[in-house]
Amino acid sequence: MKTTSFWPRIFLVFFVLQIGLAKASPFIGLNDKQLHHDLQTLSEWGYLDATVTTYPVPWKGVASQIKRLKSADMPYMPAQALNRLKHYLHMAQSEKQLSFFEIQGNSDTPRLTALDGANYHQISATIKHQVLFDQVYVQGAVTIDQDGDVNFDHSLMAYQFENWQVRVGAIEQYWGPSQASSLILSNNARPLPAIAVSRGSTSVSSSPWLSWLGNWYYTGQLAFLESNRTVPNAKLLLNRFTFSPIKRLEIGASWAVMWGGDTQTEGLSEFLKMITFQSTCLKPAGDCTRAEETKQGNHLAGFDLKYSFNVWDRPVTIYAQRIGEDATDNIKITDNANLIGASTYLGAAKIFVETSDTQISCISAESTVTNCFYEHGTYKTGYRYRGRAIGSTFDSDAKQVTLGTNYRFKGGAIAEVLLRKVELNPDGRLPSPVLTDATSEDLLQISGFYQRPIGDWLIKAGGSIEKRDFDGTETQTDASLYINSTYSF
């Protein structure tokens, strides 16, 4: 069993904090990620007043709004979203304990993921048990995969005090307004074990000093990376702040920095250098020129925007994300990757188009040298966890365009289809973990799933077909299927 004794001990401490029954679990969509799309639908149609570009979103502040809304007054898509959210909210508030058994089988190990699709295991079985207390929420989860390895991914404990929350555990997260993947934090990799301090809601603050921000949310986290890295047991400091100064506009800022580890100094002075963006010299003699100096730690940072407006009585949303790999002149972010997208609604479907580019020059705008995004001279394993990028599912040196649709049927069934055109590592150097058969690849992929509730089961079946061109000399077609079944007790 590949784990450590640290997390089970932390979980045991929280389990003894049993102080009365709670009203709801703290987060929306931990066991059905389509609820996050439902939140986005209500926000984009203008019915929900909350920030929703940081997954998972807390129930607090959102739950009271959902209870007041009436689906009879809404068009089909937001009405469907509201009914699903009300169903899950009722279940969370009426049950003292909830248990879930989930089993997933893939014909092949998934390469490209989305927020809600095939996960990172080929075959896995998971059991989750939630216990709700007055101010404490506990979810214990155990997963066994096809190799017999056991992990505690998706386990967490959260303590709510006033309008803040302390959390310890490993849960899936997704930062940004994008639909296909996030440049800085997605659930492409397995969830990071972390200690987090977050705001307990995403609504307007009652403080006169902060009310001008509108709805806002902040989370700060210290995550722990694995031991079999170039720098074993490195730490990852994660921060995200979002706010909505006017209705249907959401602005987010994200910062991630990798530091410390078994072969690096983790003292207070190095920590202060890191958070103040000071430069350091990596040469043993310390005789660097200014051009040879680098920032303390491995930084990624940037911002994202999302704005919705109506065209012919239906919302159109435009969004963008810009994340930089390095910084010069203190906090001037350079080596920027970009993502832009747009979405709207047609009948019972939401459609979107999105493009991103992590094939960026590392030295100057005129340079053709790439291979730097998600990479680092000291942390040579890069911005990855267990071999998968913590950010974009397409990893570094990739250009992609995705066209997608999410269709909602009456009765709660959902279908999603994604069409992707991707250039993976076109220069043929330093291939990313996404590549499996060549140093570069042109990929055309169609993927999707169909999900529906059947009694106490939530059944999802999906798959993908890929046309793969390798180095311009060989072409092959691959197909894969998966099924995911979750039973709720």
Protein backbone atom coordinates (compact mmCIF):
# COMPACT_ATOMS: atom_id res chain seq x y z
CA MET A 1 0.00 0.00 0.00
CA LYS A 2 1.64 3.23 -1.19
CA THR A 3 0.85 5.88 1.39
CA THR A 4 2.35 7.51 4.48
CA SER A 5 1.34 7.55 8.12
CA PHE A 6 0.92 11.33 8.19
CA TRP A 7 -2.52 11.66 6.58
CA PRO A 8 -4.24 8.80 8.45
CA ARG A 9 -3.13 10.38 11.73
CA ILE A 10 -4.46 13.77 10.70
CA PHE A 11 -7.79 12.20 9.71
CA LEU A 12 -8.01 10.40 13.08
CA VAL A 13 -7.65 13.69 14.94
CA PHE A 14 -10.54 15.22 13.02
CA PHE A 15 -12.76 12.17 13.42
CA VAL A 16 -12.93 12.73 17.17
CA LEU A 17 -14.28 16.26 16.73
CA GLN A 18 -17.94 15.18 16.79
CA ILE A 19 -20.00 18.18 17.88
CA GLY A 20 -23.59 17.86 16.65
CA LEU A 21 -25.17 17.47 13.23
CA ALA A 22 -24.59 19.73 10.23
CA LYS A 23 -26.97 21.16 7.65
CA ALA A 24 -24.99 20.37 4.49
CA SER A 25 -21.63 19.28 3.14
CA PRO A 26 -19.31 22.23 2.52
CA PHE A 27 -18.75 21.83 -1.25
CA ILE A 28 -20.89 21.48 -4.36
CA GLY A 29 -20.19 18.70 -6.82
CA LEU A 30 -17.62 16.56 -5.02
CA ASN A 31 -19.51 13.42 -6.07
CA ASP A 32 -21.13 14.72 -9.28
CA LYS A 33 -19.05 17.30 -11.14
CA GLN A 34 -21.99 18.13 -13.40
CA LEU A 35 -23.30 20.21 -10.48
CA HIS A 36 -20.46 22.65 -11.17
CA HIS A 37 -21.78 23.05 -14.72
CA ASP A 38 -25.21 23.64 -13.18
CA LEU A 39 -23.77 26.46 -11.06
CA GLN A 40 -22.16 27.99 -14.13
CA THR A 41 -25.49 27.78 -15.98
CA LEU A 42 -27.38 29.66 -13.25
CA SER A 43 -24.60 32.25 -13.01
CA GLU A 44 -24.39 32.81 -16.78
CA TRP A 45 -28.16 33.21 -17.06
CA GLY A 46 -27.98 35.81 -14.26
CA TYR A 47 -29.99 33.89 -11.62
CA LEU A 48 -27.12 33.10 -9.24
CA ASP A 49 -25.09 35.83 -7.58
CA ALA A 50 -21.81 34.10 -6.67
CA THR A 51 -18.30 33.48 -8.00
CA VAL A 52 -18.16 30.06 -9.65
CA THR A 53 -14.76 29.79 -11.40
CA THR A 54 -13.05 27.99 -8.50
CA TYR A 55 -14.10 24.34 -8.23
CA PRO A 56 -15.37 23.14 -5.82
CA VAL A 57 -17.66 26.01 -4.74
CA PRO A 58 -18.88 26.14 -1.11
CA TRP A 59 -22.59 25.58 -0.49
CA LYS A 60 -22.70 28.42 2.04
CA GLY A 61 -24.25 31.51 0.45
CA VAL A 62 -25.29 29.54 -2.63
CA ALA A 63 -27.74 27.25 -0.80
CA SER A 64 -29.94 30.11 0.41
CA GLN A 65 -30.19 31.55 -3.11
CA ILE A 66 -31.08 28.16 -4.61
CA LYS A 67 -33.89 27.70 -2.10
CA ARG A 68 -35.43 31.05 -3.09
CA LEU A 69 -35.31 30.45 -6.85
CA LYS A 70 -38.33 29.02 -8.70
CA SER A 71 -37.70 26.85 -11.77
CA ALA A 72 -41.20 27.60 -13.14
CA ASP A 73 -40.02 31.14 -13.91
CA MET A 74 -36.97 29.99 -15.90
CA PRO A 75 -36.14 28.75 -19.40
CA TYR A 76 -35.37 25.04 -19.79
CA MET A 77 -31.59 24.99 -19.20
CA PRO A 78 -31.42 27.03 -15.95
CA ALA A 79 -34.57 25.27 -14.71
CA GLN A 80 -32.90 21.86 -15.19
CA ALA A 81 -29.77 23.11 -13.43
CA LEU A 82 -31.77 24.47 -10.50
CA ASN A 83 -33.75 21.25 -10.05
CA ARG A 84 -30.58 19.14 -9.94
CA LEU A 85 -28.96 21.47 -7.41
CA LYS A 86 -32.07 21.47 -5.24
CA HIS A 87 -32.14 17.67 -5.30
CA TYR A 88 -28.53 17.36 -4.12
CA LEU A 89 -28.97 20.12 -1.54
CA HIS A 90 -32.02 18.35 -0.09
CA MET A 91 -30.09 15.07 0.06
CA ALA A 92 -27.12 16.71 1.78
CA GLN A 93 -29.28 18.50 4.35
CA SER A 94 -31.60 15.59 5.16
CA GLU A 95 -29.02 12.85 5.65
CA LYS A 96 -26.75 12.55 8.70
CA GLN A 97 -24.41 10.23 6.84
CA LEU A 98 -23.94 9.37 3.17
CA SER A 99 -21.94 6.58 1.57
CA PHE A 100 -20.96 6.06 -2.07
CA PHE A 101 -19.50 3.10 -3.89
CA GLU A 102 -17.92 3.89 -7.26
CA ILE A 103 -16.37 1.54 -9.79
CA GLN A 104 -14.78 2.57 -13.07
CA GLY A 105 -13.28 0.55 -15.90
CA ASN A 106 -11.39 1.91 -18.93
CA SER A 107 -10.28 -0.12 -21.91
CA ASP A 108 -7.09 2.01 -21.90
CA THR A 109 -5.41 4.39 -19.48
CA PRO A 110 -6.90 7.86 -20.27
CA ARG A 111 -4.50 10.40 -21.80
CA LEU A 112 -6.61 13.53 -22.06
CA THR A 113 -9.11 14.43 -19.36
CA ALA A 114 -11.79 17.04 -18.75
CA LEU A 115 -13.38 18.29 -15.54
CA ASP A 116 -15.91 15.47 -15.76
CA GLY A 117 -14.77 12.50 -17.80
CA ALA A 118 -12.71 9.34 -17.46
CA ASN A 119 -10.37 9.64 -14.48
CA TYR A 120 -6.64 8.85 -14.24
CA HIS A 121 -7.04 5.14 -13.31
CA GLN A 122 -7.66 2.44 -15.90
CA ILE A 123 -9.64 0.34 -13.42
CA SER A 124 -10.57 1.44 -9.90
CA ALA A 125 -13.04 0.92 -7.10
CA THR A 126 -13.72 3.61 -4.49
CA ILE A 127 -15.81 3.73 -1.36
CA LYS A 128 -16.60 7.08 0.27
CA HIS A 129 -18.31 7.80 3.56
CA GLN A 130 -19.45 11.28 4.60
CA VAL A 131 -20.22 12.30 8.15
CA LEU A 132 -21.72 15.74 8.80
CA PHE A 133 -21.24 17.60 12.06
CA ASP A 134 -22.14 21.06 13.33
CA GLN A 135 -18.91 22.70 12.15
CA VAL A 136 -16.96 19.69 10.94
CA TYR A 137 -17.36 17.74 7.72
CA VAL A 138 -15.53 14.46 7.18
CA GLN A 139 -15.28 12.43 4.01
CA GLY A 140 -13.19 9.27 4.13
CA ALA A 141 -12.37 7.63 0.81
CA VAL A 142 -10.37 4.55 -0.13
CA THR A 143 -9.50 3.64 -3.73
CA ILE A 144 -7.87 0.49 -5.08
CA ASP A 145 -6.65 0.45 -8.68
CA GLN A 146 -5.84 -2.24 -11.25
CA ASP A 147 -2.33 -2.74 -9.80
CA GLY A 148 -3.62 -3.34 -6.28
CA ASP A 149 -2.34 0.04 -5.05
CA VAL A 150 -4.44 1.76 -2.40
CA ASN A 151 -4.77 5.52 -1.92
CA PHE A 152 -6.88 7.93 0.12
CA ASP A 153 -7.58 10.44 -2.67
CA HIS A 154 -10.87 12.37 -2.18
CA SER A 155 -10.60 12.17 1.61
CA LEU A 156 -10.97 15.43 3.49
CA MET A 157 -11.91 17.06 6.75
CA ALA A 158 -13.12 20.62 6.91
CA TYR A 159 -13.75 22.80 9.95
CA GLN A 160 -15.98 25.86 9.50
CA PHE A 161 -15.55 28.84 11.80
CA GLU A 162 -17.57 32.00 11.18
CA ASN A 163 -17.00 32.69 7.46
CA TRP A 164 -13.75 30.76 7.08
CA GLN A 165 -12.81 27.14 6.66
CA VAL A 166 -9.75 25.01 7.40
CA ARG A 167 -9.41 21.87 5.31
CA VAL A 168 -6.99 18.98 5.24
CA GLY A 169 -7.11 16.26 2.60
CA ALA A 170 -6.83 15.56 -1.11
CA ILE A 171 -9.75 16.69 -3.27
CA GLU A 172 -10.04 17.44 -6.97
CA GLN A 173 -9.82 21.13 -7.86
CA TYR A 174 -10.18 23.21 -11.02
CA TRP A 175 -9.23 26.89 -11.22
CA GLY A 176 -10.51 29.15 -13.97
CA PRO A 177 -13.48 29.74 -16.31
CA SER A 178 -12.35 27.26 -18.98
CA GLN A 179 -14.30 24.23 -20.14
CA ALA A 180 -11.55 22.03 -21.68
CA SER A 181 -8.69 22.46 -19.19
CA SER A 182 -7.07 24.98 -16.84
CA LEU A 183 -3.55 26.30 -17.35
CA ILE A 184 -2.70 26.46 -13.63
CA LEU A 185 -4.75 23.89 -11.68
CA SER A 186 -7.07 21.20 -13.01
CA ASN A 187 -8.02 17.67 -12.04
CA ASN A 188 -5.82 16.23 -14.80
CA ALA A 189 -3.44 14.88 -12.14
CA ARG A 190 -4.49 13.01 -9.03
CA PRO A 191 -5.63 15.37 -6.24
CA LEU A 192 -2.85 16.94 -4.19
CA PRO A 193 -2.75 16.25 -0.42
CA ALA A 194 -2.91 19.72 1.13
CA ILE A 195 -3.74 21.89 4.11
CA ALA A 196 -5.99 24.78 3.08
CA VAL A 197 -7.50 27.94 4.56
CA SER A 198 -10.40 29.27 2.49
CA ARG A 199 -13.29 31.64 2.72
CA GLY A 200 -16.42 29.72 3.63
CA SER A 201 -18.66 31.29 0.95
CA THR A 202 -18.50 33.07 -2.40
CA SER A 203 -21.06 35.78 -1.64
CA VAL A 204 -20.77 39.49 -0.83
CA SER A 205 -18.94 40.38 2.38
CA SER A 206 -20.83 42.29 5.08
CA SER A 207 -17.68 44.30 5.81
CA PRO A 208 -17.85 47.86 4.41
CA TRP A 209 -14.14 47.55 3.60
CA LEU A 210 -14.72 44.56 1.32
CA SER A 211 -18.29 44.96 0.04
CA TRP A 212 -17.05 46.89 -3.03
CA LEU A 213 -15.51 43.62 -4.27
CA GLY A 214 -18.96 42.13 -4.74
CA ASN A 215 -18.98 38.37 -4.45
CA TRP A 216 -15.49 37.10 -3.62
CA TYR A 217 -13.61 33.97 -2.64
CA TYR A 218 -10.06 33.18 -1.50
CA THR A 219 -8.21 29.95 -0.90
CA GLY A 220 -4.62 29.46 0.23
CA GLN A 221 -3.13 25.96 0.33
CA LEU A 222 0.09 24.14 1.13
CA ALA A 223 0.30 20.92 -0.89
CA PHE A 224 2.78 18.08 -0.50
CA LEU A 225 4.32 16.43 -3.57
CA GLU A 226 5.52 12.85 -3.89
CA SER A 227 8.89 11.44 -2.78
CA ASN A 228 10.06 9.93 -6.11
CA ARG A 229 10.78 13.29 -7.73
CA THR A 230 14.04 14.90 -8.83
CA VAL A 231 13.60 16.99 -5.67
CA PRO A 232 11.79 14.61 -3.29
CA ASN A 233 8.96 15.85 -1.08
CA ALA A 234 8.78 19.34 -2.54
CA LYS A 235 6.01 21.68 -1.35
CA LEU A 236 3.53 23.57 -3.52
CA LEU A 237 2.05 26.82 -2.23
CA LEU A 238 -1.26 27.59 -4.02
CA ASN A 239 -3.32 30.78 -3.83
CA ARG A 240 -6.42 31.92 -5.68
CA PHE A 241 -8.60 35.02 -5.30
CA THR A 242 -11.77 35.71 -7.30
CA PHE A 243 -14.23 38.58 -7.15
CA SER A 244 -17.22 39.92 -9.05
CA PRO A 245 -17.34 43.74 -8.94
CA ILE A 246 -20.36 43.82 -11.26
CA LYS A 247 -22.96 41.14 -11.93
CA ARG A 248 -21.94 38.44 -14.44
CA LEU A 249 -18.29 39.59 -14.49
CA GLU A 250 -15.80 37.45 -12.59
CA ILE A 251 -12.09 38.17 -12.22
CA GLY A 252 -9.61 35.66 -10.82
CA ALA A 253 -5.93 35.75 -9.86
CA SER A 254 -3.91 32.58 -9.23
CA TRP A 255 -0.38 31.93 -7.97
CA ALA A 256 1.43 28.62 -7.50
CA VAL A 257 5.03 28.20 -6.36
CA MET A 258 7.03 25.00 -5.84
CA TRP A 259 9.71 25.20 -3.17
CA GLY A 260 11.65 23.23 -0.57
CA GLY A 261 12.13 19.50 -0.68
CA ASP A 262 14.75 17.07 0.62
CA THR A 263 17.66 18.55 -1.34
CA GLN A 264 16.65 22.21 -0.88
CA THR A 265 16.79 24.61 2.04
CA GLU A 266 13.39 25.23 3.62
CA GLY A 267 14.32 27.89 6.15
CA LEU A 268 12.40 31.05 6.96
CA SER A 269 14.74 33.27 4.93
CA GLU A 270 14.23 31.15 1.79
CA PHE A 271 10.48 31.19 2.36
CA LEU A 272 10.49 34.99 2.64
CA LYS A 273 12.60 35.26 -0.52
CA MET A 274 10.09 33.08 -2.31
CA ILE A 275 6.93 34.98 -1.35
CA THR A 276 8.62 38.35 -2.01
CA PHE A 277 9.83 37.19 -5.46
CA GLN A 278 13.52 37.73 -4.74
CA SER A 279 16.16 36.36 -7.09
CA THR A 280 18.81 33.81 -6.21
CA CYS A 281 21.94 32.34 -7.80
CA LEU A 282 22.00 28.60 -8.43
CA LYS A 283 25.75 28.39 -9.11
CA PRO A 284 27.72 26.80 -6.25
CA ALA A 285 30.15 29.71 -6.13
CA GLY A 286 27.35 32.25 -6.22
CA ASP A 287 28.97 34.25 -9.05
CA CYS A 288 25.89 34.79 -11.24
CA THR A 289 25.35 37.73 -13.52
CA ARG A 290 21.93 39.35 -13.21
CA ALA A 291 20.76 37.51 -16.33
CA GLU A 292 21.74 34.18 -14.73
CA GLU A 293 19.77 34.75 -11.53
CA THR A 294 16.40 33.13 -11.08
CA LYS A 295 13.49 33.48 -8.70
CA GLN A 296 13.51 31.50 -5.48
CA GLY A 297 11.21 28.54 -6.18
CA ASN A 298 9.29 27.52 -9.30
CA HIS A 299 6.54 30.09 -9.89
CA LEU A 300 3.44 30.15 -12.07
CA ALA A 301 0.96 33.01 -11.82
CA GLY A 302 -1.64 34.87 -13.78
CA PHE A 303 -5.25 35.93 -14.08
CA ASP A 304 -8.52 34.99 -15.72
CA LEU A 305 -11.70 36.81 -16.75
CA LYS A 306 -15.24 35.72 -17.47
CA TYR A 307 -18.14 37.90 -18.60
CA SER A 308 -21.69 36.93 -19.61
CA PHE A 309 -24.20 39.07 -21.51
CA ASN A 310 -27.48 38.41 -23.32
CA VAL A 311 -27.93 38.15 -27.08
CA TRP A 312 -31.51 37.44 -28.20
CA ASP A 313 -32.56 36.52 -24.66
CA ARG A 314 -29.84 33.91 -24.16
CA PRO A 315 -26.46 34.32 -22.46
CA VAL A 316 -23.19 34.52 -24.35
CA THR A 317 -20.05 34.11 -22.23
CA ILE A 318 -16.51 35.08 -23.17
CA TYR A 319 -13.56 34.12 -21.03
CA ALA A 320 -9.76 34.12 -20.99
CA GLN A 321 -6.87 32.88 -18.86
CA ARG A 322 -3.23 34.00 -18.97
CA ILE A 323 -0.64 32.17 -16.88
CA GLY A 324 3.09 32.98 -16.79
CA GLU A 325 5.90 30.54 -16.06
CA ASP A 326 8.53 32.98 -14.75
CA ALA A 327 9.02 36.56 -13.58
CA THR A 328 11.55 39.35 -14.08
CA ASP A 329 11.81 42.74 -12.39
CA ASN A 330 10.25 41.42 -9.17
CA ILE A 331 6.67 40.47 -10.15
CA LYS A 332 6.55 41.12 -13.90
CA ILE A 333 5.25 37.79 -15.23
CA THR A 334 6.85 36.47 -18.43
CA ASP A 335 6.67 33.34 -20.61
CA ASN A 336 2.88 33.55 -20.73
CA ALA A 337 0.55 30.84 -21.97
CA ASN A 338 -2.92 31.89 -23.06
CA LEU A 339 -6.41 30.42 -23.20
CA ILE A 340 -9.53 32.00 -24.66
CA GLY A 341 -13.05 30.70 -25.15
CA ALA A 342 -16.72 31.49 -25.67
CA SER A 343 -19.96 29.68 -24.91
CA THR A 344 -23.70 30.03 -25.34
CA TYR A 345 -26.93 28.00 -25.12
CA LEU A 346 -29.07 26.52 -27.88
CA GLY A 347 -32.23 24.77 -26.75
CA ALA A 348 -31.26 22.09 -24.23
CA ALA A 349 -27.54 22.33 -25.03
CA LYS A 350 -24.63 24.46 -23.94
CA ILE A 351 -21.97 24.79 -26.63
CA PHE A 352 -18.47 26.22 -26.35
CA VAL A 353 -15.27 26.69 -28.31
CA GLU A 354 -11.92 27.07 -26.60
CA THR A 355 -8.26 27.30 -27.58
CA SER A 356 -5.03 27.33 -25.57
CA ASP A 357 -1.32 27.46 -26.33
CA THR A 358 1.49 26.35 -24.00
CA GLN A 359 4.10 26.34 -26.79
CA ILE A 360 5.73 29.59 -25.74
CA SER A 361 9.20 31.07 -26.18
CA CYS A 362 11.32 31.05 -23.05
CA ILE A 363 13.89 33.76 -23.66
CA SER A 364 12.20 36.55 -25.63
CA ALA A 365 9.29 37.16 -27.95
CA GLU A 366 11.63 36.71 -30.92
CA SER A 367 13.10 33.44 -29.67
CA THR A 368 12.08 30.06 -31.11
CA VAL A 369 13.31 28.18 -28.03
CA THR A 370 10.39 26.50 -26.25
CA ASN A 371 10.25 23.59 -23.76
CA CYS A 372 9.98 25.80 -20.68
CA PHE A 373 6.33 25.83 -19.66
CA TYR A 374 5.77 23.57 -16.61
CA GLU A 375 9.57 22.97 -16.53
CA HIS A 376 12.28 24.21 -14.14
CA GLY A 377 16.06 23.99 -13.82
CA THR A 378 15.99 22.79 -10.19
CA TYR A 379 12.62 21.03 -10.02
CA LYS A 380 13.29 18.95 -13.14
CA THR A 381 10.18 16.79 -12.65
CA GLY A 382 8.32 19.98 -13.51
CA TYR A 383 4.89 21.22 -12.54
CA ARG A 384 3.52 17.70 -12.41
CA TYR A 385 2.19 15.23 -9.85
CA ARG A 386 2.60 11.48 -10.37
CA GLY A 387 3.53 12.00 -14.00
CA ARG A 388 0.62 14.23 -15.04
CA ALA A 389 0.53 18.00 -15.38
CA ILE A 390 -1.07 19.81 -12.45
CA GLY A 391 -2.32 22.36 -14.98
CA SER A 392 -3.32 21.71 -18.59
CA THR A 393 -4.34 18.21 -19.63
CA PHE A 394 -2.39 18.86 -22.85
CA ASP A 395 0.82 19.59 -20.86
CA SER A 396 3.62 21.80 -22.21
CA ASP A 397 4.35 22.77 -25.83
CA ALA A 398 0.80 22.09 -27.00
CA LYS A 399 -1.71 23.99 -29.09
CA GLN A 400 -5.33 22.91 -29.01
CA VAL A 401 -8.81 23.87 -30.15
CA THR A 402 -11.83 22.22 -28.52
CA LEU A 403 -15.46 22.40 -29.62
CA GLY A 404 -17.84 20.97 -27.04
CA THR A 405 -21.49 20.59 -26.15
CA ASN A 406 -23.29 19.55 -22.97
CA TYR A 407 -26.89 18.41 -23.52
CA ARG A 408 -29.49 18.08 -20.71
CA PHE A 409 -32.40 15.66 -21.07
CA LYS A 410 -35.61 15.69 -19.07
CA GLY A 411 -35.35 13.32 -16.12
CA GLY A 412 -31.74 14.22 -15.29
CA ALA A 413 -29.76 12.49 -18.05
CA ILE A 414 -26.76 14.34 -19.49
CA ALA A 415 -24.68 13.87 -22.65
CA GLU A 416 -21.38 15.59 -23.41
CA VAL A 417 -19.34 15.55 -26.63
CA LEU A 418 -15.90 17.12 -27.19
CA LEU A 419 -14.07 17.49 -30.52
CA ARG A 420 -10.39 18.35 -30.13
CA LYS A 421 -7.59 19.21 -32.55
CA VAL A 422 -4.23 19.22 -30.78
CA GLU A 423 -0.58 19.76 -31.74
CA LEU A 424 1.58 17.97 -29.18
CA ASN A 425 5.27 18.92 -28.93
CA PRO A 426 5.79 19.90 -32.60
CA ASP A 427 9.54 20.59 -32.14
CA GLY A 428 10.15 16.97 -31.13
CA ARG A 429 12.27 17.84 -28.08
CA LEU A 430 11.65 17.16 -24.41
CA PRO A 431 8.42 15.22 -24.95
CA SER A 432 5.66 15.60 -22.40
CA PRO A 433 4.01 12.72 -20.49
CA VAL A 434 0.96 13.08 -22.77
CA LEU A 435 3.01 11.59 -25.63
CA THR A 436 3.15 7.80 -25.65
CA ASP A 437 4.39 6.64 -29.08
CA ALA A 438 6.49 9.46 -30.61
CA THR A 439 8.22 12.74 -29.82
CA SER A 440 5.51 14.80 -31.54
CA GLU A 441 1.94 14.19 -32.58
CA ASP A 442 -0.98 15.82 -34.37
CA LEU A 443 -4.16 14.59 -32.73
CA LEU A 444 -7.80 14.72 -33.76
CA GLN A 445 -10.05 13.34 -31.02
CA ILE A 446 -13.77 13.02 -30.43
CA SER A 447 -14.82 11.99 -26.93
CA GLY A 448 -17.92 12.08 -24.79
CA PHE A 449 -20.20 10.37 -22.33
CA TYR A 450 -23.84 9.73 -21.47
CA GLN A 451 -24.89 9.88 -17.82
CA ARG A 452 -28.22 9.15 -16.17
CA PRO A 453 -29.56 8.29 -12.72
CA ILE A 454 -31.22 4.90 -12.29
CA GLY A 455 -32.66 4.55 -8.81
CA ASP A 456 -29.77 4.96 -6.35
CA TRP A 457 -27.24 4.48 -9.16
CA LEU A 458 -25.57 7.13 -11.31
CA ILE A 459 -24.40 5.41 -14.49
CA LYS A 460 -21.97 7.00 -16.92
CA ALA A 461 -20.66 5.44 -20.15
CA GLY A 462 -18.24 7.15 -22.48
CA GLY A 463 -15.27 6.82 -24.76
CA SER A 464 -13.07 8.41 -27.40
CA ILE A 465 -11.79 7.92 -30.94
CA GLU A 466 -8.40 9.37 -31.89
CA LYS A 467 -6.69 9.90 -35.23
CA ARG A 468 -2.97 10.25 -34.45
CA ASP A 469 -0.30 11.51 -36.87
CA PHE A 470 3.27 10.88 -35.65
CA ASP A 471 6.07 13.14 -36.88
CA GLY A 472 4.32 13.40 -40.24
CA THR A 473 5.33 9.83 -41.16
CA GLU A 474 2.76 7.49 -39.61
CA THR A 475 -0.96 7.57 -38.81
CA GLN A 476 -3.01 5.35 -36.54
CA THR A 477 -6.53 5.32 -35.13
CA ASP A 478 -7.23 4.38 -31.52
CA ALA A 479 -10.50 3.93 -29.65
CA SER A 480 -11.30 3.52 -25.98
CA LEU A 481 -14.40 2.98 -23.85
CA TYR A 482 -15.15 3.43 -20.16
CA ILE A 483 -18.01 2.97 -17.74
CA ASN A 484 -18.44 4.55 -14.33
CA SER A 485 -21.11 3.48 -11.85
CA THR A 486 -21.76 5.15 -8.50
CA TYR A 487 -24.20 3.80 -5.91
CA SER A 488 -25.35 6.08 -3.09
CA PHE A 489 -26.45 4.55 0.23
